[in-house]
Every structure is written in C-alpha cells, then in structure tokens.
Amino acid sequence: MADDPQGRGEAQLIEHLVGSVLSSVVKAQGLAASQLVDMVDKIGFEPATPGVSRKPRTFSFDFYRTELDPATNQIVRKQITATVPLLTLINLPAISIQEATIDMDLQLVAHEQASDAGTDQGALNLYVVPAKKQVVRTADQALVVDSAGTIKIHVVMRQESALGLDKIQSLLDSGTEEKSPASTSAPEALPPGK
C-alpha cells in the first residue's frame, strides 16, 4: 500500500475500495432477507416437531352465510368456519435494496505493474485515496470545484425480484378453507321475507 503524499490516509487499491462498498450493499440485503425469513418462521408456522411436517399457524373464525338449500329449495343460514393462514393477514416487512447508486471521487496517488500471473500483461494496480476537492477562482472570478486528477466512479447495482416470497404467499392463499360444521339436523330455514 502506498502513502498519500497529501496526508489523506493510506492509499488503497481501487478494487478494494469499490469491492468493499459493493460487498456492504450485498451484506445489507442479506441481513434484511434473513430477518424476513426469521419472522416468517416464527409467526407463520407452528414450532417444529421431529419427524412431523411443519404446519402454518392459522386464524379461524365462524360466520353465518345465507344460501339456497338444494334439497328443500329454501333459503337457509349456515354456520361456516373459515380458516386462514396467519401470514396472509399481515404485511411482511419485505425490505429490499432494489437499486444502489455508488458515486466515488478518488485521486490516483500511485500505481505499479500487476505481478499476478492471472492478470493481463500491462495491467496496473492503482492506489487511490478519496479526492480532495478544492474551490478555486477562475479568470472571471467565478468559484468552481477543482477535481483535476480524480477518478470518478459511478456504479449502479440492480436486484432481480425474488419470486420465493410470492410463491409462499400464493401457496398460503390457496390454503384458505371454509367448512360447514357436520350436523344431523337440517339447516335453519329463514322466515319468508328475510
């Protein structure tokens, strides 16, 4: 590593600086995804039991529905029990980095011939430090930022949408069910006019 002659810290290889920023974005995305998986696991499913498939946590409620009894041709009220997977009732915090824009202004302070056998001949190791911007006056007395001798880097990272969460949501939506309680008596008929 080279020292910066202007005292802005130790110079780093340009690929280390850019790579560490990109790696940090990827790690942040991984941390958010990991927390989502933990939440889905804790809230959405019953605790694991060895040798038994895990079951989703559900929310059940009863309600009455008016429908036509095909046997008697009368309108009847039926008690229905609906069971809904709990995960379909909550908004999951699916935070993701869809795009990250990284802009760096770096100043080249040293270079050397790359000595790695796997690199192209003529490739250089470039050592850089954060660019120091100076305000200078032009001939017409205007103030401008002098960034001569800097390397400007603009990187845009984009994430492809993950389909896993959509698939889970679709499976859970299809797991919603309604049941009429089994009874031996006929359904309650509504009085005429109701």
N, C-alpha and C. Protein backbone atom coordinates (compact mmCIF):
# COMPACT_ATOMS: atom_id res chain seq x y z
N MET A 1 0.84 -1.18 0.00
CA MET A 1 0.00 0.00 0.00
C MET A 1 0.88 1.24 0.00
N ALA A 2 0.41 2.26 -0.64
CA ALA A 2 1.18 3.49 -0.75
C ALA A 2 0.62 4.54 0.20
N ASP A 3 1.49 5.43 0.64
CA ASP A 3 1.03 6.55 1.47
C ASP A 3 0.66 7.70 0.57
N ASP A 4 -0.40 8.41 0.97
CA ASP A 4 -0.83 9.58 0.23
C ASP A 4 0.07 10.74 0.61
N PRO A 5 0.72 11.37 -0.36
CA PRO A 5 1.63 12.46 -0.03
C PRO A 5 0.92 13.68 0.55
N GLN A 6 -0.40 13.81 0.35
CA GLN A 6 -1.11 14.98 0.87
C GLN A 6 -1.77 14.70 2.22
N GLY A 7 -1.48 13.56 2.84
CA GLY A 7 -1.94 13.29 4.20
C GLY A 7 -3.42 12.93 4.32
N ARG A 8 -4.02 12.27 3.32
CA ARG A 8 -5.44 11.90 3.39
C ARG A 8 -5.62 10.43 3.75
N GLY A 9 -4.63 9.85 4.38
CA GLY A 9 -4.74 8.46 4.81
C GLY A 9 -3.94 7.54 3.91
N GLU A 10 -4.02 6.30 4.24
CA GLU A 10 -3.28 5.29 3.49
C GLU A 10 -4.01 4.98 2.19
N ALA A 11 -3.29 4.95 1.12
CA ALA A 11 -3.88 4.65 -0.18
C ALA A 11 -4.26 3.18 -0.25
N GLN A 12 -5.35 2.90 -0.94
CA GLN A 12 -5.86 1.55 -1.10
C GLN A 12 -5.93 1.21 -2.58
N LEU A 13 -5.88 -0.08 -2.87
CA LEU A 13 -6.11 -0.50 -4.24
C LEU A 13 -7.55 -0.14 -4.60
N ILE A 14 -7.74 0.37 -5.80
CA ILE A 14 -9.07 0.84 -6.21
C ILE A 14 -10.10 -0.29 -6.15
N GLU A 15 -9.69 -1.52 -6.52
CA GLU A 15 -10.66 -2.62 -6.48
C GLU A 15 -11.08 -2.98 -5.06
N HIS A 16 -10.20 -2.73 -4.08
CA HIS A 16 -10.58 -2.99 -2.69
C HIS A 16 -11.62 -1.99 -2.22
N LEU A 17 -11.44 -0.72 -2.57
CA LEU A 17 -12.43 0.29 -2.16
C LEU A 17 -13.78 0.05 -2.80
N VAL A 18 -13.81 -0.13 -4.11
CA VAL A 18 -15.08 -0.34 -4.81
C VAL A 18 -15.69 -1.67 -4.37
N GLY A 19 -14.89 -2.71 -4.28
CA GLY A 19 -15.39 -4.02 -3.88
C GLY A 19 -15.98 -4.04 -2.49
N SER A 20 -15.36 -3.31 -1.55
CA SER A 20 -15.89 -3.32 -0.19
C SER A 20 -17.23 -2.59 -0.11
N VAL A 21 -17.42 -1.54 -0.90
CA VAL A 21 -18.72 -0.85 -0.92
C VAL A 21 -19.79 -1.77 -1.52
N LEU A 22 -19.49 -2.42 -2.63
CA LEU A 22 -20.44 -3.34 -3.24
C LEU A 22 -20.76 -4.50 -2.31
N SER A 23 -19.76 -5.02 -1.64
CA SER A 23 -19.94 -6.12 -0.69
C SER A 23 -20.83 -5.69 0.47
N SER A 24 -20.68 -4.45 0.94
CA SER A 24 -21.52 -3.95 2.03
C SER A 24 -23.00 -3.89 1.63
N VAL A 25 -23.28 -3.51 0.39
CA VAL A 25 -24.66 -3.47 -0.09
C VAL A 25 -25.24 -4.88 -0.13
N VAL A 26 -24.47 -5.84 -0.61
CA VAL A 26 -24.92 -7.22 -0.68
C VAL A 26 -25.17 -7.77 0.73
N LYS A 27 -24.28 -7.47 1.67
CA LYS A 27 -24.45 -7.93 3.06
C LYS A 27 -25.70 -7.31 3.69
N ALA A 28 -25.96 -6.05 3.42
CA ALA A 28 -27.16 -5.39 3.96
C ALA A 28 -28.42 -6.07 3.41
N GLN A 29 -28.43 -6.39 2.13
CA GLN A 29 -29.57 -7.10 1.53
C GLN A 29 -29.74 -8.47 2.17
N GLY A 30 -28.65 -9.17 2.38
CA GLY A 30 -28.71 -10.49 3.02
C GLY A 30 -29.25 -10.43 4.43
N LEU A 31 -28.86 -9.41 5.19
CA LEU A 31 -29.35 -9.24 6.56
C LEU A 31 -30.85 -8.99 6.57
N ALA A 32 -31.34 -8.14 5.66
CA ALA A 32 -32.78 -7.88 5.57
C ALA A 32 -33.54 -9.15 5.21
N ALA A 33 -33.02 -9.92 4.26
CA ALA A 33 -33.68 -11.17 3.85
C ALA A 33 -33.69 -12.17 5.00
N SER A 34 -32.60 -12.25 5.74
CA SER A 34 -32.51 -13.17 6.87
C SER A 34 -33.53 -12.82 7.94
N GLN A 35 -33.71 -11.54 8.21
CA GLN A 35 -34.70 -11.13 9.21
C GLN A 35 -36.12 -11.45 8.75
N LEU A 36 -36.38 -11.32 7.46
CA LEU A 36 -37.70 -11.67 6.93
C LEU A 36 -37.96 -13.17 7.09
N VAL A 37 -36.96 -13.99 6.78
CA VAL A 37 -37.10 -15.44 6.92
C VAL A 37 -37.37 -15.80 8.38
N ASP A 38 -36.65 -15.17 9.31
CA ASP A 38 -36.88 -15.43 10.74
C ASP A 38 -38.30 -15.07 11.14
N MET A 39 -38.81 -13.95 10.67
CA MET A 39 -40.17 -13.53 11.01
C MET A 39 -41.20 -14.51 10.45
N VAL A 40 -41.03 -14.91 9.19
CA VAL A 40 -41.96 -15.88 8.58
C VAL A 40 -41.93 -17.18 9.37
N ASP A 41 -40.76 -17.61 9.78
CA ASP A 41 -40.62 -18.86 10.54
C ASP A 41 -41.31 -18.76 11.90
N LYS A 42 -41.10 -17.67 12.62
CA LYS A 42 -41.64 -17.54 13.98
C LYS A 42 -43.14 -17.26 13.99
N ILE A 43 -43.60 -16.41 13.11
CA ILE A 43 -45.00 -16.01 13.11
C ILE A 43 -45.86 -16.94 12.27
N GLY A 44 -45.33 -17.40 11.16
CA GLY A 44 -46.15 -18.12 10.19
C GLY A 44 -46.31 -19.60 10.42
N PHE A 45 -45.45 -20.23 11.22
CA PHE A 45 -45.51 -21.68 11.33
C PHE A 45 -45.46 -22.14 12.77
N GLU A 46 -46.12 -23.26 13.02
CA GLU A 46 -46.08 -23.89 14.33
C GLU A 46 -44.65 -24.34 14.61
N PRO A 47 -44.27 -24.46 15.89
CA PRO A 47 -42.91 -24.94 16.20
C PRO A 47 -42.65 -26.32 15.58
N ALA A 48 -41.41 -26.54 15.23
CA ALA A 48 -41.03 -27.80 14.59
C ALA A 48 -41.08 -28.96 15.58
N THR A 49 -41.56 -30.09 15.09
CA THR A 49 -41.56 -31.33 15.85
C THR A 49 -40.82 -32.36 15.00
N PRO A 50 -39.84 -33.04 15.59
CA PRO A 50 -39.08 -34.01 14.79
C PRO A 50 -39.99 -35.06 14.13
N GLY A 51 -39.76 -35.28 12.84
CA GLY A 51 -40.49 -36.29 12.11
C GLY A 51 -41.87 -35.87 11.64
N VAL A 52 -42.27 -34.63 11.90
CA VAL A 52 -43.61 -34.16 11.53
C VAL A 52 -43.45 -32.92 10.64
N SER A 53 -44.22 -32.88 9.56
CA SER A 53 -44.18 -31.70 8.68
C SER A 53 -44.69 -30.48 9.44
N ARG A 54 -44.07 -29.36 9.19
CA ARG A 54 -44.49 -28.12 9.85
C ARG A 54 -45.81 -27.65 9.27
N LYS A 55 -46.63 -27.09 10.13
CA LYS A 55 -47.94 -26.60 9.70
C LYS A 55 -47.99 -25.09 9.89
N PRO A 56 -48.67 -24.41 8.96
CA PRO A 56 -48.79 -22.96 9.13
C PRO A 56 -49.71 -22.62 10.29
N ARG A 57 -49.41 -21.53 10.96
CA ARG A 57 -50.32 -21.03 12.00
C ARG A 57 -51.52 -20.47 11.29
N THR A 58 -52.68 -20.74 11.83
CA THR A 58 -53.91 -20.29 11.18
C THR A 58 -54.76 -19.47 12.14
N PHE A 59 -55.66 -18.72 11.55
CA PHE A 59 -56.64 -17.92 12.29
C PHE A 59 -58.00 -18.43 11.83
N SER A 60 -58.82 -18.89 12.78
CA SER A 60 -60.14 -19.42 12.43
C SER A 60 -61.23 -18.56 13.04
N PHE A 61 -62.34 -18.43 12.33
CA PHE A 61 -63.49 -17.70 12.85
C PHE A 61 -64.76 -18.26 12.22
N ASP A 62 -65.86 -18.09 12.93
CA ASP A 62 -67.16 -18.57 12.45
C ASP A 62 -67.97 -17.39 11.96
N PHE A 63 -68.79 -17.64 10.95
CA PHE A 63 -69.73 -16.64 10.47
C PHE A 63 -70.92 -17.37 9.86
N TYR A 64 -71.98 -16.64 9.64
CA TYR A 64 -73.18 -17.21 9.03
C TYR A 64 -73.29 -16.73 7.60
N ARG A 65 -73.70 -17.65 6.73
CA ARG A 65 -73.88 -17.32 5.34
C ARG A 65 -75.29 -17.76 4.93
N THR A 66 -75.92 -16.92 4.16
CA THR A 66 -77.25 -17.25 3.65
C THR A 66 -77.08 -17.89 2.28
N GLU A 67 -77.71 -19.06 2.11
CA GLU A 67 -77.61 -19.75 0.83
C GLU A 67 -78.86 -20.58 0.56
N LEU A 68 -78.97 -21.05 -0.61
CA LEU A 68 -80.12 -21.85 -1.01
C LEU A 68 -79.83 -23.32 -0.73
N ASP A 69 -80.74 -23.97 0.04
CA ASP A 69 -80.60 -25.40 0.32
C ASP A 69 -81.17 -26.16 -0.88
N PRO A 70 -80.32 -26.89 -1.63
CA PRO A 70 -80.81 -27.56 -2.84
C PRO A 70 -81.85 -28.64 -2.54
N ALA A 71 -81.82 -29.21 -1.35
CA ALA A 71 -82.76 -30.29 -1.03
C ALA A 71 -84.18 -29.76 -0.83
N THR A 72 -84.30 -28.60 -0.16
CA THR A 72 -85.64 -28.07 0.16
C THR A 72 -86.01 -26.86 -0.68
N ASN A 73 -85.06 -26.34 -1.43
CA ASN A 73 -85.27 -25.13 -2.22
C ASN A 73 -85.63 -23.92 -1.36
N GLN A 74 -85.17 -23.91 -0.12
CA GLN A 74 -85.41 -22.80 0.80
C GLN A 74 -84.09 -22.08 1.07
N ILE A 75 -84.23 -20.81 1.40
CA ILE A 75 -83.06 -20.04 1.81
C ILE A 75 -82.78 -20.35 3.26
N VAL A 76 -81.55 -20.74 3.54
CA VAL A 76 -81.16 -21.12 4.89
C VAL A 76 -79.91 -20.35 5.30
N ARG A 77 -79.72 -20.27 6.62
CA ARG A 77 -78.49 -19.69 7.17
C ARG A 77 -77.60 -20.83 7.64
N LYS A 78 -76.38 -20.85 7.17
CA LYS A 78 -75.43 -21.89 7.55
C LYS A 78 -74.29 -21.27 8.33
N GLN A 79 -73.87 -21.95 9.39
CA GLN A 79 -72.69 -21.52 10.12
C GLN A 79 -71.47 -22.06 9.38
N ILE A 80 -70.55 -21.19 9.09
CA ILE A 80 -69.33 -21.54 8.37
C ILE A 80 -68.13 -21.22 9.25
N THR A 81 -67.14 -22.10 9.24
CA THR A 81 -65.88 -21.84 9.93
C THR A 81 -64.82 -21.59 8.86
N ALA A 82 -64.24 -20.42 8.89
CA ALA A 82 -63.17 -20.08 7.93
C ALA A 82 -61.84 -20.20 8.65
N THR A 83 -60.88 -20.79 7.97
CA THR A 83 -59.52 -20.93 8.49
C THR A 83 -58.58 -20.30 7.48
N VAL A 84 -57.81 -19.32 7.97
CA VAL A 84 -56.93 -18.55 7.10
C VAL A 84 -55.50 -18.61 7.65
N PRO A 85 -54.50 -18.89 6.81
CA PRO A 85 -53.11 -18.84 7.29
C PRO A 85 -52.79 -17.43 7.82
N LEU A 86 -52.18 -17.38 8.99
CA LEU A 86 -51.88 -16.10 9.64
C LEU A 86 -51.02 -15.20 8.75
N LEU A 87 -50.09 -15.77 8.00
CA LEU A 87 -49.21 -14.95 7.17
C LEU A 87 -49.97 -14.18 6.08
N THR A 88 -51.18 -14.64 5.72
CA THR A 88 -51.94 -13.91 4.70
C THR A 88 -52.62 -12.68 5.28
N LEU A 89 -52.65 -12.55 6.61
CA LEU A 89 -53.32 -11.43 7.25
C LEU A 89 -52.39 -10.29 7.62
N ILE A 90 -51.09 -10.51 7.55
CA ILE A 90 -50.14 -9.47 7.95
C ILE A 90 -49.32 -9.02 6.76
N ASN A 91 -48.84 -7.80 6.84
CA ASN A 91 -47.92 -7.29 5.82
C ASN A 91 -46.51 -7.66 6.24
N LEU A 92 -45.87 -8.45 5.42
CA LEU A 92 -44.50 -8.84 5.73
C LEU A 92 -43.55 -7.70 5.39
N PRO A 93 -42.59 -7.42 6.27
CA PRO A 93 -41.64 -6.33 6.00
C PRO A 93 -40.57 -6.76 5.02
N ALA A 94 -40.95 -6.89 3.77
CA ALA A 94 -40.03 -7.36 2.74
C ALA A 94 -39.21 -6.18 2.21
N ILE A 95 -38.31 -5.72 3.04
CA ILE A 95 -37.46 -4.60 2.66
C ILE A 95 -36.33 -5.13 1.78
N SER A 96 -36.14 -4.51 0.65
CA SER A 96 -35.05 -4.93 -0.20
C SER A 96 -34.43 -3.72 -0.89
N ILE A 97 -33.20 -3.88 -1.25
CA ILE A 97 -32.49 -2.84 -1.97
C ILE A 97 -32.72 -3.12 -3.45
N GLN A 98 -33.58 -2.36 -4.07
CA GLN A 98 -33.87 -2.57 -5.48
C GLN A 98 -32.75 -2.01 -6.36
N GLU A 99 -32.15 -0.91 -5.90
CA GLU A 99 -31.09 -0.30 -6.68
C GLU A 99 -30.19 0.48 -5.74
N ALA A 100 -28.91 0.40 -5.95
CA ALA A 100 -27.94 1.16 -5.18
C ALA A 100 -27.04 1.91 -6.16
N THR A 101 -26.93 3.19 -5.97
CA THR A 101 -26.06 4.01 -6.82
C THR A 101 -24.87 4.45 -5.97
N ILE A 102 -23.71 4.16 -6.44
CA ILE A 102 -22.48 4.48 -5.71
C ILE A 102 -21.65 5.42 -6.56
N ASP A 103 -21.36 6.59 -6.02
CA ASP A 103 -20.51 7.56 -6.70
C ASP A 103 -19.28 7.79 -5.84
N MET A 104 -18.12 7.71 -6.43
CA MET A 104 -16.87 7.96 -5.72
C MET A 104 -15.99 8.89 -6.54
N ASP A 105 -15.37 9.80 -5.86
CA ASP A 105 -14.32 10.61 -6.46
C ASP A 105 -13.03 10.22 -5.77
N LEU A 106 -12.13 9.65 -6.53
CA LEU A 106 -10.88 9.15 -5.98
C LEU A 106 -9.71 9.80 -6.69
N GLN A 107 -8.63 9.95 -5.95
CA GLN A 107 -7.44 10.52 -6.56
C GLN A 107 -6.37 9.44 -6.62
N LEU A 108 -5.83 9.30 -7.81
CA LEU A 108 -4.77 8.33 -8.02
C LEU A 108 -3.48 8.88 -7.40
N VAL A 109 -2.87 8.10 -6.49
CA VAL A 109 -1.64 8.56 -5.85
C VAL A 109 -0.44 7.68 -6.17
N ALA A 110 -0.70 6.46 -6.67
CA ALA A 110 0.42 5.58 -7.03
C ALA A 110 -0.11 4.46 -7.93
N HIS A 111 0.82 3.87 -8.65
CA HIS A 111 0.48 2.70 -9.45
C HIS A 111 1.71 1.83 -9.58
N GLU A 112 1.47 0.57 -9.87
CA GLU A 112 2.58 -0.35 -10.08
C GLU A 112 2.11 -1.44 -11.04
N GLN A 113 3.05 -2.06 -11.69
CA GLN A 113 2.73 -3.16 -12.60
C GLN A 113 2.15 -4.31 -11.80
N ALA A 114 1.04 -4.87 -12.27
CA ALA A 114 0.44 -6.02 -11.59
C ALA A 114 1.37 -7.21 -11.73
N SER A 115 1.57 -7.93 -10.63
CA SER A 115 2.51 -9.05 -10.68
C SER A 115 1.80 -10.39 -10.63
N ASP A 116 0.49 -10.41 -10.56
CA ASP A 116 -0.25 -11.67 -10.52
C ASP A 116 -0.14 -12.37 -11.86
N ALA A 117 0.06 -13.69 -11.83
CA ALA A 117 0.18 -14.46 -13.07
C ALA A 117 -1.14 -14.49 -13.83
N GLY A 118 -2.28 -14.35 -13.13
CA GLY A 118 -3.59 -14.44 -13.78
C GLY A 118 -4.05 -13.13 -14.40
N THR A 119 -3.30 -12.05 -14.25
CA THR A 119 -3.75 -10.77 -14.79
C THR A 119 -3.16 -10.53 -16.17
N ASP A 120 -3.79 -9.63 -16.90
CA ASP A 120 -3.29 -9.27 -18.23
C ASP A 120 -1.95 -8.56 -18.10
N GLN A 121 -1.11 -8.79 -19.11
CA GLN A 121 0.14 -8.03 -19.13
C GLN A 121 -0.21 -6.58 -19.40
N GLY A 122 0.42 -5.71 -18.72
CA GLY A 122 0.14 -4.29 -18.89
C GLY A 122 -0.89 -3.79 -17.88
N ALA A 123 -1.50 -4.70 -17.12
CA ALA A 123 -2.46 -4.27 -16.11
C ALA A 123 -1.71 -3.60 -14.96
N LEU A 124 -2.33 -2.57 -14.41
CA LEU A 124 -1.72 -1.83 -13.33
C LEU A 124 -2.53 -1.97 -12.05
N ASN A 125 -1.84 -2.01 -10.93
CA ASN A 125 -2.50 -1.85 -9.64
C ASN A 125 -2.57 -0.36 -9.38
N LEU A 126 -3.78 0.16 -9.19
CA LEU A 126 -3.96 1.59 -8.96
C LEU A 126 -4.25 1.84 -7.49
N TYR A 127 -3.48 2.72 -6.88
CA TYR A 127 -3.68 3.09 -5.48
C TYR A 127 -4.33 4.46 -5.44
N VAL A 128 -5.41 4.56 -4.66
CA VAL A 128 -6.19 5.80 -4.62
C VAL A 128 -6.51 6.19 -3.19
N VAL A 129 -6.87 7.44 -3.03
CA VAL A 129 -7.41 7.99 -1.78
C VAL A 129 -8.63 8.80 -2.16
N PRO A 130 -9.51 9.09 -1.19
CA PRO A 130 -10.64 9.97 -1.51
C PRO A 130 -10.14 11.30 -2.06
N ALA A 131 -10.78 11.76 -3.11
CA ALA A 131 -10.34 13.00 -3.76
C ALA A 131 -10.63 14.20 -2.86
N LYS A 132 -9.68 15.08 -2.81
CA LYS A 132 -9.86 16.33 -2.07
C LYS A 132 -10.32 17.37 -3.09
N LYS A 133 -11.47 17.94 -2.83
CA LYS A 133 -11.99 18.95 -3.75
C LYS A 133 -11.61 20.32 -3.24
N GLN A 134 -11.17 21.14 -4.15
CA GLN A 134 -10.77 22.49 -3.79
C GLN A 134 -11.60 23.49 -4.56
N VAL A 135 -11.99 24.53 -3.87
CA VAL A 135 -12.70 25.61 -4.54
C VAL A 135 -11.64 26.59 -5.04
N VAL A 136 -11.69 26.88 -6.32
CA VAL A 136 -10.72 27.81 -6.91
C VAL A 136 -11.46 28.89 -7.69
N ARG A 137 -10.78 29.98 -7.91
CA ARG A 137 -11.35 31.08 -8.71
C ARG A 137 -10.83 30.98 -10.14
N THR A 138 -11.76 31.17 -11.05
CA THR A 138 -11.37 31.18 -12.46
C THR A 138 -10.95 32.60 -12.83
N ALA A 139 -10.52 32.77 -14.09
CA ALA A 139 -10.07 34.09 -14.55
C ALA A 139 -11.16 35.15 -14.41
N ASP A 140 -12.43 34.76 -14.52
CA ASP A 140 -13.51 35.75 -14.38
C ASP A 140 -14.05 35.81 -12.95
N GLN A 141 -13.26 35.33 -11.99
CA GLN A 141 -13.55 35.40 -10.57
C GLN A 141 -14.71 34.49 -10.12
N ALA A 142 -15.11 33.55 -10.94
CA ALA A 142 -16.16 32.60 -10.53
C ALA A 142 -15.52 31.50 -9.69
N LEU A 143 -16.29 30.99 -8.72
CA LEU A 143 -15.80 29.89 -7.88
C LEU A 143 -16.23 28.57 -8.52
N VAL A 144 -15.29 27.67 -8.65
CA VAL A 144 -15.59 26.34 -9.19
C VAL A 144 -14.86 25.30 -8.34
N VAL A 145 -15.33 24.07 -8.41
CA VAL A 145 -14.68 22.98 -7.70
C VAL A 145 -13.67 22.35 -8.64
N ASP A 146 -12.42 22.34 -8.19
CA ASP A 146 -11.36 21.74 -8.99
C ASP A 146 -11.25 20.27 -8.60
N SER A 147 -11.49 19.41 -9.55
CA SER A 147 -11.36 17.99 -9.27
C SER A 147 -10.40 17.36 -10.27
N ALA A 148 -9.43 18.13 -10.69
CA ALA A 148 -8.44 17.63 -11.65
C ALA A 148 -7.66 16.49 -11.01
N GLY A 149 -7.39 15.51 -11.81
CA GLY A 149 -6.60 14.38 -11.33
C GLY A 149 -7.41 13.36 -10.56
N THR A 150 -8.73 13.45 -10.62
CA THR A 150 -9.54 12.48 -9.89
C THR A 150 -10.11 11.44 -10.84
N ILE A 151 -10.41 10.31 -10.26
CA ILE A 151 -11.10 9.23 -10.98
C ILE A 151 -12.52 9.24 -10.47
N LYS A 152 -13.47 9.41 -11.36
CA LYS A 152 -14.87 9.40 -10.97
C LYS A 152 -15.45 8.03 -11.29
N ILE A 153 -16.05 7.41 -10.28
CA ILE A 153 -16.63 6.09 -10.45
C ILE A 153 -18.12 6.19 -10.16
N HIS A 154 -18.93 5.65 -11.07
CA HIS A 154 -20.38 5.63 -10.91
C HIS A 154 -20.82 4.19 -11.15
N VAL A 155 -21.33 3.54 -10.11
CA VAL A 155 -21.76 2.15 -10.19
C VAL A 155 -23.23 2.08 -9.81
N VAL A 156 -24.02 1.38 -10.61
CA VAL A 156 -25.43 1.16 -10.28
C VAL A 156 -25.64 -0.35 -10.17
N MET A 157 -26.11 -0.78 -9.01
CA MET A 157 -26.43 -2.20 -8.80
C MET A 157 -27.95 -2.33 -8.84
N ARG A 158 -28.45 -3.34 -9.53
CA ARG A 158 -29.89 -3.59 -9.57
C ARG A 158 -30.15 -5.03 -9.15
N GLN A 159 -31.22 -5.21 -8.41
CA GLN A 159 -31.58 -6.54 -7.95
C GLN A 159 -32.74 -7.09 -8.78
N GLU A 160 -32.62 -8.35 -9.13
CA GLU A 160 -33.74 -9.03 -9.77
C GLU A 160 -34.75 -9.34 -8.67
N SER A 161 -36.03 -9.28 -9.00
CA SER A 161 -37.03 -9.54 -7.97
C SER A 161 -37.02 -11.01 -7.57
N ALA A 162 -37.09 -11.23 -6.28
CA ALA A 162 -37.12 -12.59 -5.75
C ALA A 162 -38.54 -13.12 -5.81
N LEU A 163 -38.70 -14.29 -6.36
CA LEU A 163 -40.04 -14.85 -6.52
C LEU A 163 -40.43 -15.76 -5.36
N GLY A 164 -39.50 -16.07 -4.47
CA GLY A 164 -39.78 -17.00 -3.38
C GLY A 164 -40.92 -16.56 -2.49
N LEU A 165 -40.93 -15.28 -2.10
CA LEU A 165 -41.97 -14.79 -1.21
C LEU A 165 -43.32 -14.80 -1.91
N ASP A 166 -43.35 -14.48 -3.19
CA ASP A 166 -44.60 -14.52 -3.95
C ASP A 166 -45.14 -15.95 -4.02
N LYS A 167 -44.25 -16.92 -4.17
CA LYS A 167 -44.67 -18.32 -4.23
C LYS A 167 -45.27 -18.76 -2.90
N ILE A 168 -44.62 -18.39 -1.80
CA ILE A 168 -45.14 -18.75 -0.48
C ILE A 168 -46.51 -18.11 -0.27
N GLN A 169 -46.64 -16.84 -0.63
CA GLN A 169 -47.91 -16.14 -0.47
C GLN A 169 -49.00 -16.81 -1.29
N SER A 170 -48.70 -17.23 -2.50
CA SER A 170 -49.66 -17.90 -3.36
C SER A 170 -50.10 -19.23 -2.76
N LEU A 171 -49.14 -19.99 -2.22
CA LEU A 171 -49.47 -21.26 -1.58
C LEU A 171 -50.36 -21.05 -0.36
N LEU A 172 -50.02 -20.03 0.43
CA LEU A 172 -50.82 -19.75 1.63
C LEU A 172 -52.23 -19.30 1.26
N ASP A 173 -52.34 -18.47 0.22
CA ASP A 173 -53.67 -18.03 -0.21
C ASP A 173 -54.53 -19.21 -0.63
N SER A 174 -53.92 -20.19 -1.27
CA SER A 174 -54.70 -21.36 -1.69
C SER A 174 -55.02 -22.27 -0.51
N GLY A 175 -54.38 -22.04 0.64
CA GLY A 175 -54.64 -22.86 1.83
C GLY A 175 -55.82 -22.37 2.66
N THR A 176 -56.48 -21.30 2.26
CA THR A 176 -57.63 -20.80 2.99
C THR A 176 -58.80 -21.75 2.74
N GLU A 177 -59.51 -22.09 3.80
CA GLU A 177 -60.62 -23.03 3.62
C GLU A 177 -61.83 -22.63 4.43
N GLU A 178 -62.97 -23.08 4.00
CA GLU A 178 -64.23 -22.88 4.70
C GLU A 178 -64.85 -24.24 4.93
N LYS A 179 -65.42 -24.44 6.12
CA LYS A 179 -66.08 -25.70 6.43
C LYS A 179 -67.43 -25.41 7.07
N SER A 180 -68.40 -26.19 6.68
CA SER A 180 -69.69 -26.18 7.37
C SER A 180 -69.61 -27.26 8.43
N PRO A 181 -70.03 -26.95 9.66
CA PRO A 181 -69.97 -27.98 10.68
C PRO A 181 -70.91 -29.14 10.30
N ALA A 182 -70.43 -30.35 10.53
CA ALA A 182 -71.27 -31.52 10.23
C ALA A 182 -72.38 -31.58 11.28
N SER A 183 -73.59 -31.69 10.80
CA SER A 183 -74.71 -31.78 11.73
C SER A 183 -75.73 -32.74 11.17
N THR A 184 -76.48 -33.34 12.08
CA THR A 184 -77.50 -34.29 11.65
C THR A 184 -78.83 -33.60 11.43
N SER A 185 -78.99 -32.40 11.98
CA SER A 185 -80.26 -31.70 11.80
C SER A 185 -80.21 -30.87 10.53
N ALA A 186 -81.38 -30.55 10.04
CA ALA A 186 -81.49 -29.74 8.82
C ALA A 186 -81.05 -28.32 9.12
N PRO A 187 -80.52 -27.58 8.11
CA PRO A 187 -80.14 -26.20 8.32
C PRO A 187 -81.35 -25.36 8.71
N GLU A 188 -81.06 -24.31 9.47
CA GLU A 188 -82.11 -23.42 9.93
C GLU A 188 -82.69 -22.63 8.75
N ALA A 189 -83.98 -22.77 8.53
CA ALA A 189 -84.64 -22.06 7.43
C ALA A 189 -84.97 -20.65 7.86
N LEU A 190 -84.82 -19.71 6.94
CA LEU A 190 -85.16 -18.33 7.24
C LEU A 190 -86.66 -18.12 7.04
N PRO A 191 -87.30 -17.31 7.89
CA PRO A 191 -88.69 -16.98 7.66
C PRO A 191 -88.83 -16.21 6.34
N PRO A 192 -89.96 -16.33 5.67
CA PRO A 192 -90.16 -15.62 4.41
C PRO A 192 -89.95 -14.12 4.59
N GLY A 193 -89.39 -13.48 3.58
CA GLY A 193 -89.20 -12.04 3.61
C GLY A 193 -87.91 -11.60 4.25
N LYS A 194 -87.04 -12.48 4.70
CA LYS A 194 -85.78 -12.09 5.32
C LYS A 194 -84.63 -12.32 4.40
